[in-house]
């Protein structure tokens, strides 16, 4: 179980590298180092990107999906990511990490409001939505995300708003292609990771 692992910031950096990273891993697979590394995968579904990257640490999700807008802007203070709770199970629940623009106060406790097409469908507090000190993000438990998925996969816009003592941070995302992205993500599970030898000999950097 991931239980809050999967740092979105690192994933967005990997997405920015995109094709360059893919070419590097492909060469390593057939190169002289003798360590087979699974090929990376990336696909765009409307407003969402699915990415599977074998050369990641075990604190990061090997497969995840993020909005195209967040991947394009990079580390501008906000991000949203969904990733499998159990990478070995194609039917696993999806966890979510979220940070609104401007970031989150250290140790914050608040309420995450979720609206689809203007209709509020949830107000999540602890333990469904928990601030994680290691990454400074709001981690939404898989059980809570799974309750949201029917509305998300059938909607057109997603509004997330986090309210705590410091105020409210709100973000809007398009849900175009979201359902296809979720299906694609699960189709690439179990997720393949590079073997330890690939890190030891420099195949994975």
C-alpha atoms as a PDB file:
ATOM      1  CA  UNK A   1       0.000   0.000   0.000  1.00  0.00           C
ATOM      2  CA  UNK A   2       1.266   3.466  -0.801  1.00  0.00           C
ATOM      3  CA  UNK A   3      -0.238   5.207   2.252  1.00  0.00           C
ATOM      4  CA  UNK A   4       0.728   8.673   1.073  1.00  0.00           C
ATOM      5  CA  UNK A   5       3.799   7.946  -1.011  1.00  0.00           C
ATOM      6  CA  UNK A   6       4.209   9.314  -4.493  1.00  0.00           C
ATOM      7  CA  UNK A   7       5.687  12.774  -4.699  1.00  0.00           C
ATOM      8  CA  UNK A   8       3.968  14.825  -7.439  1.00  0.00           C
ATOM      9  CA  UNK A   9       6.812  17.352  -7.673  1.00  0.00           C
ATOM     10  CA  UNK A  10       9.253  14.684  -8.793  1.00  0.00           C
ATOM     11  CA  UNK A  11       6.698  13.321 -11.221  1.00  0.00           C
ATOM     12  CA  UNK A  12       6.206  16.696 -12.897  1.00  0.00           C
ATOM     13  CA  UNK A  13       9.956  17.019 -13.380  1.00  0.00           C
ATOM     14  CA  UNK A  14       9.936  13.581 -15.018  1.00  0.00           C
ATOM     15  CA  UNK A  15       7.080  14.606 -17.308  1.00  0.00           C
ATOM     16  CA  UNK A  16       8.981  17.692 -18.376  1.00  0.00           C
ATOM     17  CA  UNK A  17      11.850  15.448 -19.454  1.00  0.00           C
ATOM     18  CA  UNK A  18       9.402  13.281 -21.481  1.00  0.00           C
ATOM     19  CA  UNK A  19      10.898  11.984 -24.701  1.00  0.00           C
ATOM     20  CA  UNK A  20      14.485  12.529 -23.617  1.00  0.00           C
ATOM     21  CA  UNK A  21      14.017  10.186 -20.672  1.00  0.00           C
ATOM     22  CA  UNK A  22      12.274   7.627 -22.842  1.00  0.00           C
ATOM     23  CA  UNK A  23      15.147   7.546 -25.295  1.00  0.00           C
ATOM     24  CA  UNK A  24      17.690   7.182 -22.506  1.00  0.00           C
ATOM     25  CA  UNK A  25      15.971   4.187 -20.956  1.00  0.00           C
ATOM     26  CA  UNK A  26      15.471   2.484 -24.306  1.00  0.00           C
ATOM     27  CA  UNK A  27      19.204   2.758 -24.993  1.00  0.00           C
ATOM     28  CA  UNK A  28      20.003   1.374 -21.556  1.00  0.00           C
ATOM     29  CA  UNK A  29      17.878  -1.677 -22.231  1.00  0.00           C
ATOM     30  CA  UNK A  30      20.004  -2.699 -25.203  1.00  0.00           C
ATOM     31  CA  UNK A  31      23.260  -1.075 -24.141  1.00  0.00           C
ATOM     32  CA  UNK A  32      26.411  -2.616 -22.764  1.00  0.00           C
ATOM     33  CA  UNK A  33      25.465  -2.555 -19.089  1.00  0.00           C
ATOM     34  CA  UNK A  34      23.455  -5.775 -19.352  1.00  0.00           C
ATOM     35  CA  UNK A  35      20.508  -4.659 -17.189  1.00  0.00           C
ATOM     36  CA  UNK A  36      17.042  -4.793 -18.735  1.00  0.00           C
ATOM     37  CA  UNK A  37      14.932  -1.776 -17.786  1.00  0.00           C
ATOM     38  CA  UNK A  38      11.214  -1.618 -18.623  1.00  0.00           C
ATOM     39  CA  UNK A  39      10.344   0.982 -21.229  1.00  0.00           C
ATOM     40  CA  UNK A  40       8.662   4.147 -19.944  1.00  0.00           C
ATOM     41  CA  UNK A  41       5.157   4.991 -21.108  1.00  0.00           C
ATOM     42  CA  UNK A  42       3.380   8.288 -21.615  1.00  0.00           C
ATOM     43  CA  UNK A  43       0.039   9.119 -23.244  1.00  0.00           C
ATOM     44  CA  UNK A  44      -2.175  12.193 -23.396  1.00  0.00           C
ATOM     45  CA  UNK A  45      -5.925  11.776 -23.010  1.00  0.00           C
ATOM     46  CA  UNK A  46      -7.574  15.146 -23.515  1.00  0.00           C
ATOM     47  CA  UNK A  47      -6.568  17.285 -20.530  1.00  0.00           C
ATOM     48  CA  UNK A  48      -4.719  14.470 -18.713  1.00  0.00           C
ATOM     49  CA  UNK A  49      -1.357  12.730 -19.030  1.00  0.00           C
ATOM     50  CA  UNK A  50      -0.710   9.126 -17.991  1.00  0.00           C
ATOM     51  CA  UNK A  51       2.923   8.389 -17.270  1.00  0.00           C
ATOM     52  CA  UNK A  52       4.726   5.222 -16.183  1.00  0.00           C
ATOM     53  CA  UNK A  53       8.408   5.645 -15.347  1.00  0.00           C
ATOM     54  CA  UNK A  54      10.454   2.632 -14.183  1.00  0.00           C
ATOM     55  CA  UNK A  55      13.428   4.659 -12.925  1.00  0.00           C
ATOM     56  CA  UNK A  56      11.830   6.185  -9.828  1.00  0.00           C
ATOM     57  CA  UNK A  57      12.490   5.677  -6.143  1.00  0.00           C
ATOM     58  CA  UNK A  58      10.153   3.604  -4.042  1.00  0.00           C
ATOM     59  CA  UNK A  59       8.805   6.790  -2.418  1.00  0.00           C
ATOM     60  CA  UNK A  60       7.399   7.795  -5.813  1.00  0.00           C
ATOM     61  CA  UNK A  61       4.589   6.336  -7.878  1.00  0.00           C
ATOM     62  CA  UNK A  62       5.854   4.527 -10.952  1.00  0.00           C
ATOM     63  CA  UNK A  63       2.525   5.215 -12.738  1.00  0.00           C
ATOM     64  CA  UNK A  64       0.353   8.257 -12.247  1.00  0.00           C
ATOM     65  CA  UNK A  65      -1.889  10.714 -14.049  1.00  0.00           C
ATOM     66  CA  UNK A  66      -1.736  14.503 -13.859  1.00  0.00           C
ATOM     67  CA  UNK A  67      -3.496  17.373 -15.628  1.00  0.00           C
ATOM     68  CA  UNK A  68      -1.768  18.644 -18.762  1.00  0.00           C
ATOM     69  CA  UNK A  69      -1.925  22.177 -17.327  1.00  0.00           C
ATOM     70  CA  UNK A  70       0.137  21.240 -14.272  1.00  0.00           C
ATOM     71  CA  UNK A  71       2.682  19.297 -16.323  1.00  0.00           C
ATOM     72  CA  UNK A  72       3.069  22.233 -18.736  1.00  0.00           C
ATOM     73  CA  UNK A  73       3.634  24.855 -16.032  1.00  0.00           C
ATOM     74  CA  UNK A  74       5.922  22.685 -13.947  1.00  0.00           C
ATOM     75  CA  UNK A  75       6.538  23.460 -10.286  1.00  0.00           C
ATOM     76  CA  UNK A  76       4.554  26.697 -10.031  1.00  0.00           C
ATOM     77  CA  UNK A  77       3.182  26.039  -6.569  1.00  0.00           C
ATOM     78  CA  UNK A  78       0.193  23.846  -7.443  1.00  0.00           C
ATOM     79  CA  UNK A  79      -0.243  20.268  -8.485  1.00  0.00           C
ATOM     80  CA  UNK A  80      -2.743  17.463  -8.668  1.00  0.00           C
ATOM     81  CA  UNK A  81      -1.891  13.790  -9.116  1.00  0.00           C
ATOM     82  CA  UNK A  82      -3.748  10.500  -8.962  1.00  0.00           C
ATOM     83  CA  UNK A  83      -1.781   7.287  -8.528  1.00  0.00           C
ATOM     84  CA  UNK A  84      -2.449   3.621  -7.697  1.00  0.00           C
ATOM     85  CA  UNK A  85      -2.647   2.636  -4.068  1.00  0.00           C
ATOM     86  CA  UNK A  86      -1.302  -0.813  -4.942  1.00  0.00           C
ATOM     87  CA  UNK A  87       0.859  -0.924  -8.079  1.00  0.00           C
ATOM     88  CA  UNK A  88       0.551  -4.699  -8.295  1.00  0.00           C
ATOM     89  CA  UNK A  89      -3.248  -4.664  -8.701  1.00  0.00           C
ATOM     90  CA  UNK A  90      -4.979  -3.432 -11.913  1.00  0.00           C
ATOM     91  CA  UNK A  91      -8.211  -2.956  -9.933  1.00  0.00           C
ATOM     92  CA  UNK A  92      -6.609  -0.991  -7.104  1.00  0.00           C
ATOM     93  CA  UNK A  93      -8.051   2.200  -5.718  1.00  0.00           C
ATOM     94  CA  UNK A  94      -6.479   5.505  -6.700  1.00  0.00           C
ATOM     95  CA  UNK A  95      -5.004   7.881  -4.158  1.00  0.00           C
ATOM     96  CA  UNK A  96      -4.690  11.613  -4.821  1.00  0.00           C
ATOM     97  CA  UNK A  97      -2.231  14.351  -3.900  1.00  0.00           C
ATOM     98  CA  UNK A  98      -3.224  18.009  -4.158  1.00  0.00           C
ATOM     99  CA  UNK A  99      -1.627  21.384  -3.475  1.00  0.00           C
ATOM    100  CA  UNK A 100      -3.422  24.620  -4.446  1.00  0.00           C
ATOM    101  CA  UNK A 101      -1.554  27.624  -5.839  1.00  0.00           C
ATOM    102  CA  UNK A 102       0.431  29.257  -3.077  1.00  0.00           C
ATOM    103  CA  UNK A 103       1.007  25.993  -1.247  1.00  0.00           C
ATOM    104  CA  UNK A 104      -0.265  24.764   2.106  1.00  0.00           C
ATOM    105  CA  UNK A 105       0.596  25.955   5.598  1.00  0.00           C
ATOM    106  CA  UNK A 106       2.843  23.583   7.532  1.00  0.00           C
ATOM    107  CA  UNK A 107       0.773  21.137   9.552  1.00  0.00           C
ATOM    108  CA  UNK A 108      -2.483  22.527   8.211  1.00  0.00           C
ATOM    109  CA  UNK A 109      -5.858  20.971   8.984  1.00  0.00           C
ATOM    110  CA  UNK A 110      -8.832  21.938   6.865  1.00  0.00           C
ATOM    111  CA  UNK A 111     -11.542  20.878   4.439  1.00  0.00           C
ATOM    112  CA  UNK A 112     -11.160  19.877   0.801  1.00  0.00           C
ATOM    113  CA  UNK A 113     -14.303  20.711  -1.161  1.00  0.00           C
ATOM    114  CA  UNK A 114     -14.893  18.850  -4.425  1.00  0.00           C
ATOM    115  CA  UNK A 115     -17.306  20.072  -7.089  1.00  0.00           C
ATOM    116  CA  UNK A 116     -18.033  18.618 -10.523  1.00  0.00           C
ATOM    117  CA  UNK A 117     -19.742  20.804 -13.129  1.00  0.00           C
ATOM    118  CA  UNK A 118     -20.560  23.311 -10.400  1.00  0.00           C
ATOM    119  CA  UNK A 119     -22.224  20.800  -8.083  1.00  0.00           C
ATOM    120  CA  UNK A 120     -20.509  20.154  -4.752  1.00  0.00           C
ATOM    121  CA  UNK A 121     -20.147  16.413  -4.314  1.00  0.00           C
ATOM    122  CA  UNK A 122     -17.912  16.138  -1.236  1.00  0.00           C
ATOM    123  CA  UNK A 123     -16.297  17.960   1.664  1.00  0.00           C
ATOM    124  CA  UNK A 124     -13.330  15.910   2.847  1.00  0.00           C
ATOM    125  CA  UNK A 125     -11.585  16.272   6.201  1.00  0.00           C
ATOM    126  CA  UNK A 126      -9.289  14.008   8.233  1.00  0.00           C
ATOM    127  CA  UNK A 127      -8.861  11.080   7.918  1.00  0.00           C
ATOM    128  CA  UNK A 128     -10.034  11.180   4.269  1.00  0.00           C
ATOM    129  CA  UNK A 129      -7.791  14.145   3.403  1.00  0.00           C
ATOM    130  CA  UNK A 130      -4.583  14.497   5.430  1.00  0.00           C
ATOM    131  CA  UNK A 131      -1.684  16.958   5.228  1.00  0.00           C
ATOM    132  CA  UNK A 132       1.625  15.114   4.848  1.00  0.00           C
ATOM    133  CA  UNK A 133       4.611  16.896   6.346  1.00  0.00           C
ATOM    134  CA  UNK A 134       7.200  15.093   4.212  1.00  0.00           C
ATOM    135  CA  UNK A 135       5.942  16.595   0.948  1.00  0.00           C
ATOM    136  CA  UNK A 136       3.769  19.495   2.071  1.00  0.00           C
ATOM    137  CA  UNK A 137       0.749  18.136   0.211  1.00  0.00           C
ATOM    138  CA  UNK A 138      -2.800  17.062   0.891  1.00  0.00           C
ATOM    139  CA  UNK A 139      -3.094  13.289   0.581  1.00  0.00           C
ATOM    140  CA  UNK A 140      -6.584  11.966  -0.186  1.00  0.00           C
ATOM    141  CA  UNK A 141      -7.124   8.355   0.831  1.00  0.00           C
ATOM    142  CA  UNK A 142      -8.036   5.826  -1.918  1.00  0.00           C
ATOM    143  CA  UNK A 143     -11.391   5.061  -0.292  1.00  0.00           C
ATOM    144  CA  UNK A 144     -12.385   8.724  -0.586  1.00  0.00           C
ATOM    145  CA  UNK A 145     -11.099   9.050  -4.163  1.00  0.00           C
ATOM    146  CA  UNK A 146     -13.017   5.956  -5.243  1.00  0.00           C
ATOM    147  CA  UNK A 147     -16.240   7.543  -3.959  1.00  0.00           C
ATOM    148  CA  UNK A 148     -15.553  10.549  -6.196  1.00  0.00           C
ATOM    149  CA  UNK A 149     -14.615   8.661  -9.367  1.00  0.00           C
ATOM    150  CA  UNK A 150     -18.121   8.082 -10.788  1.00  0.00           C
ATOM    151  CA  UNK A 151     -18.764  11.835 -10.793  1.00  0.00           C
ATOM    152  CA  UNK A 152     -15.267  12.681 -12.054  1.00  0.00           C
ATOM    153  CA  UNK A 153     -15.364  10.234 -14.951  1.00  0.00           C
ATOM    154  CA  UNK A 154     -18.776  11.540 -16.045  1.00  0.00           C
ATOM    155  CA  UNK A 155     -18.118  15.264 -15.601  1.00  0.00           C
ATOM    156  CA  UNK A 156     -16.575  18.095 -17.606  1.00  0.00           C
ATOM    157  CA  UNK A 157     -14.977  20.346 -14.943  1.00  0.00           C
ATOM    158  CA  UNK A 158     -13.483  19.703 -11.507  1.00  0.00           C
ATOM    159  CA  UNK A 159     -13.179  22.375  -8.816  1.00  0.00           C
ATOM    160  CA  UNK A 160     -11.013  21.689  -5.773  1.00  0.00           C
ATOM    161  CA  UNK A 161     -10.947  24.112  -2.872  1.00  0.00           C
ATOM    162  CA  UNK A 162      -8.986  23.689   0.351  1.00  0.00           C
ATOM    163  CA  UNK A 163     -10.036  25.834   3.321  1.00  0.00           C
ATOM    164  CA  UNK A 164      -8.082  26.175   6.553  1.00  0.00           C
ATOM    165  CA  UNK A 165      -7.286  28.953   9.039  1.00  0.00           C
ATOM    166  CA  UNK A 166      -5.119  30.687   6.414  1.00  0.00           C
ATOM    167  CA  UNK A 167      -7.956  30.964   3.897  1.00  0.00           C
ATOM    168  CA  UNK A 168      -9.033  29.109   0.793  1.00  0.00           C
ATOM    169  CA  UNK A 169      -7.074  27.896  -2.232  1.00  0.00           C
ATOM    170  CA  UNK A 170      -9.183  26.992  -5.257  1.00  0.00           C
ATOM    171  CA  UNK A 171      -8.254  25.323  -8.541  1.00  0.00           C
ATOM    172  CA  UNK A 172     -10.252  24.314 -11.614  1.00  0.00           C
ATOM    173  CA  UNK A 173      -9.395  21.423 -13.913  1.00  0.00           C
ATOM    174  CA  UNK A 174     -10.890  20.115 -17.126  1.00  0.00           C
ATOM    175  CA  UNK A 175     -12.108  16.520 -16.948  1.00  0.00           C
ATOM    176  CA  UNK A 176     -11.803  16.016 -20.708  1.00  0.00           C
ATOM    177  CA  UNK A 177     -10.241  12.585 -21.225  1.00  0.00           C
ATOM    178  CA  UNK A 178     -10.163  11.801 -17.494  1.00  0.00           C
ATOM    179  CA  UNK A 179     -12.140   8.548 -17.760  1.00  0.00           C
ATOM    180  CA  UNK A 180      -9.880   7.282 -20.554  1.00  0.00           C
ATOM    181  CA  UNK A 181      -6.798   8.286 -18.549  1.00  0.00           C
ATOM    182  CA  UNK A 182      -7.959   6.284 -15.521  1.00  0.00           C
ATOM    183  CA  UNK A 183      -8.594   3.234 -17.703  1.00  0.00           C
ATOM    184  CA  UNK A 184      -5.179   3.625 -19.358  1.00  0.00           C
ATOM    185  CA  UNK A 185      -3.437   3.936 -16.003  1.00  0.00           C
ATOM    186  CA  UNK A 186      -5.024   0.744 -14.715  1.00  0.00           C
ATOM    187  CA  UNK A 187      -4.229  -1.030 -17.986  1.00  0.00           C
ATOM    188  CA  UNK A 188      -0.525  -0.471 -17.208  1.00  0.00           C
ATOM    189  CA  UNK A 189      -0.695  -2.169 -13.846  1.00  0.00           C
ATOM    190  CA  UNK A 190       1.079  -4.048 -12.409  1.00  0.00           C
ATOM    191  CA  UNK A 191       3.641  -1.267 -12.771  1.00  0.00           C
ATOM    192  CA  UNK A 192       7.152  -2.345 -13.732  1.00  0.00           C
ATOM    193  CA  UNK A 193      10.111  -0.819 -11.939  1.00  0.00           C
ATOM    194  CA  UNK A 194      13.771  -0.891 -12.806  1.00  0.00           C
ATOM    195  CA  UNK A 195      15.733  -3.552 -10.902  1.00  0.00           C
ATOM    196  CA  UNK A 196      18.110  -2.509  -8.127  1.00  0.00           C
ATOM    197  CA  UNK A 197      21.050  -3.314 -10.411  1.00  0.00           C
ATOM    198  CA  UNK A 198      19.988  -0.519 -12.767  1.00  0.00           C
ATOM    199  CA  UNK A 199      20.531   2.023  -9.983  1.00  0.00           C
ATOM    200  CA  UNK A 200      23.748   0.393  -8.824  1.00  0.00           C
ATOM    201  CA  UNK A 201      25.411   0.499 -12.251  1.00  0.00           C
ATOM    202  CA  UNK A 202      24.133   3.938 -13.299  1.00  0.00           C
ATOM    203  CA  UNK A 203      21.553   2.791 -15.871  1.00  0.00           C
ATOM    204  CA  UNK A 204      18.981   4.729 -13.803  1.00  0.00           C
ATOM    205  CA  UNK A 205      20.179   8.139 -12.720  1.00  0.00           C
END
